Amino acid sequence: MTGMGKTLIALGFLLVVVGLLLVFSGKIPWLGRLPGDICIRKGSFSFYFPVATGILISLILSVLFWLFRK
C-alpha cells in the first residue's frame, strides 16, 4: 500500500503543478511564443503548432520525473 500512496501523492503534486501552470500561463509572456513555434495565418485561417514550447515542457517534466524517481 505504501507504493500506491506514493503514487497518489506524486499524481496530486503533478496536478497541482499543471493547475498552477494553467493559471499563470498568461503571465509568462514567452511561453507559447518561442522561436521554433509554428504559427501560420492566412485570412480567416490560423494554424499554431508549439514545437519549441512542447520540447521545453517535455524537458522540464522529464527532469521532474527523474528527480521524483530517485
C-alpha atoms as a PDB file:
ATOM      1  CA  MET A   1       0.000   0.000   0.000  1.00  0.00           C
ATOM      2  CA  THR A   2       2.898   2.411   0.512  1.00  0.00           C
ATOM      3  CA  GLY A   3       3.718   2.293  -3.192  1.00  0.00           C
ATOM      4  CA  MET A   4       0.170   3.253  -4.046  1.00  0.00           C
ATOM      5  CA  GLY A   5       0.271   6.085  -1.517  1.00  0.00           C
ATOM      6  CA  LYS A   6       3.467   7.470  -3.032  1.00  0.00           C
ATOM      7  CA  THR A   7       1.940   7.245  -6.500  1.00  0.00           C
ATOM      8  CA  LEU A   8      -1.153   9.166  -5.371  1.00  0.00           C
ATOM      9  CA  ILE A   9       0.998  11.852  -3.746  1.00  0.00           C
ATOM     10  CA  ALA A  10       3.096  12.216  -6.911  1.00  0.00           C
ATOM     11  CA  LEU A  11      -0.023  12.431  -9.100  1.00  0.00           C
ATOM     12  CA  GLY A  12      -1.544  15.012  -6.749  1.00  0.00           C
ATOM     13  CA  PHE A  13       1.618  17.090  -6.874  1.00  0.00           C
ATOM     14  CA  LEU A  14       1.659  16.827 -10.661  1.00  0.00           C
ATOM     15  CA  LEU A  15      -1.958  18.002 -10.832  1.00  0.00           C
ATOM     16  CA  VAL A  16      -1.131  20.994  -8.639  1.00  0.00           C
ATOM     17  CA  VAL A  17       1.840  21.919 -10.837  1.00  0.00           C
ATOM     18  CA  VAL A  18      -0.206  21.601 -14.032  1.00  0.00           C
ATOM     19  CA  GLY A  19      -3.004  23.660 -12.469  1.00  0.00           C
ATOM     20  CA  LEU A  20      -0.575  26.402 -11.466  1.00  0.00           C
ATOM     21  CA  LEU A  21       0.900  26.433 -14.957  1.00  0.00           C
ATOM     22  CA  LEU A  22      -2.563  26.833 -16.448  1.00  0.00           C
ATOM     23  CA  VAL A  23      -3.443  29.655 -14.057  1.00  0.00           C
ATOM     24  CA  PHE A  24      -0.204  31.571 -14.535  1.00  0.00           C
ATOM     25  CA  SER A  25       0.466  30.746 -18.198  1.00  0.00           C
ATOM     26  CA  GLY A  26      -0.931  34.111 -19.289  1.00  0.00           C
ATOM     27  CA  LYS A  27       1.556  35.883 -17.035  1.00  0.00           C
ATOM     28  CA  ILE A  28       4.568  34.190 -18.660  1.00  0.00           C
ATOM     29  CA  PRO A  29       4.908  36.234 -21.861  1.00  0.00           C
ATOM     30  CA  TRP A  30       7.408  33.992 -23.672  1.00  0.00           C
ATOM     31  CA  LEU A  31       5.523  30.724 -23.112  1.00  0.00           C
ATOM     32  CA  GLY A  32       3.917  29.751 -26.400  1.00  0.00           C
ATOM     33  CA  ARG A  33       5.888  32.276 -28.440  1.00  0.00           C
ATOM     34  CA  LEU A  34       9.300  30.688 -28.543  1.00  0.00           C
ATOM     35  CA  PRO A  35      11.414  30.673 -31.696  1.00  0.00           C
ATOM     36  CA  GLY A  36      10.541  27.339 -33.261  1.00  0.00           C
ATOM     37  CA  ASP A  37       6.810  27.505 -32.610  1.00  0.00           C
ATOM     38  CA  ILE A  38       4.965  27.333 -35.924  1.00  0.00           C
ATOM     39  CA  CYS A  39       2.238  29.916 -36.496  1.00  0.00           C
ATOM     40  CA  ILE A  40       0.548  30.288 -39.898  1.00  0.00           C
ATOM     41  CA  ARG A  41      -2.128  32.936 -40.509  1.00  0.00           C
ATOM     42  CA  LYS A  42      -3.835  33.330 -43.862  1.00  0.00           C
ATOM     43  CA  GLY A  43      -7.054  35.291 -43.986  1.00  0.00           C
ATOM     44  CA  SER A  44      -9.535  33.811 -41.555  1.00  0.00           C
ATOM     45  CA  PHE A  45      -7.473  30.623 -41.122  1.00  0.00           C
ATOM     46  CA  SER A  46      -4.825  30.279 -38.419  1.00  0.00           C
ATOM     47  CA  PHE A  47      -2.704  27.268 -37.503  1.00  0.00           C
ATOM     48  CA  TYR A  48      -0.495  27.110 -34.416  1.00  0.00           C
ATOM     49  CA  PHE A  49       1.861  24.256 -33.535  1.00  0.00           C
ATOM     50  CA  PRO A  50       4.057  24.897 -30.442  1.00  0.00           C
ATOM     51  CA  VAL A  51       7.108  22.743 -31.275  1.00  0.00           C
ATOM     52  CA  ALA A  52       9.684  24.537 -29.094  1.00  0.00           C
ATOM     53  CA  THR A  53       7.238  25.047 -26.221  1.00  0.00           C
ATOM     54  CA  GLY A  54       6.361  21.329 -26.289  1.00  0.00           C
ATOM     55  CA  ILE A  55      10.025  20.358 -26.199  1.00  0.00           C
ATOM     56  CA  LEU A  56      10.688  22.741 -23.281  1.00  0.00           C
ATOM     57  CA  ILE A  57       7.746  21.400 -21.278  1.00  0.00           C
ATOM     58  CA  SER A  58       8.831  17.831 -22.046  1.00  0.00           C
ATOM     59  CA  LEU A  59      12.349  18.523 -20.775  1.00  0.00           C
ATOM     60  CA  ILE A  60      11.042  20.119 -17.582  1.00  0.00           C
ATOM     61  CA  LEU A  61       8.668  17.220 -16.908  1.00  0.00           C
ATOM     62  CA  SER A  62      11.420  14.676 -17.646  1.00  0.00           C
ATOM     63  CA  VAL A  63      13.707  16.307 -15.091  1.00  0.00           C
ATOM     64  CA  LEU A  64      10.906  16.433 -12.508  1.00  0.00           C
ATOM     65  CA  PHE A  65      10.033  12.767 -13.021  1.00  0.00           C
ATOM     66  CA  TRP A  66      13.708  11.839 -12.846  1.00  0.00           C
ATOM     67  CA  LEU A  67      14.027  13.696  -9.532  1.00  0.00           C
ATOM     68  CA  PHE A  68      10.924  12.016  -8.079  1.00  0.00           C
ATOM     69  CA  ARG A  69      12.143   8.615  -9.191  1.00  0.00           C
ATOM     70  CA  LYS A  70      15.274   8.948  -7.031  1.00  0.00           C
END
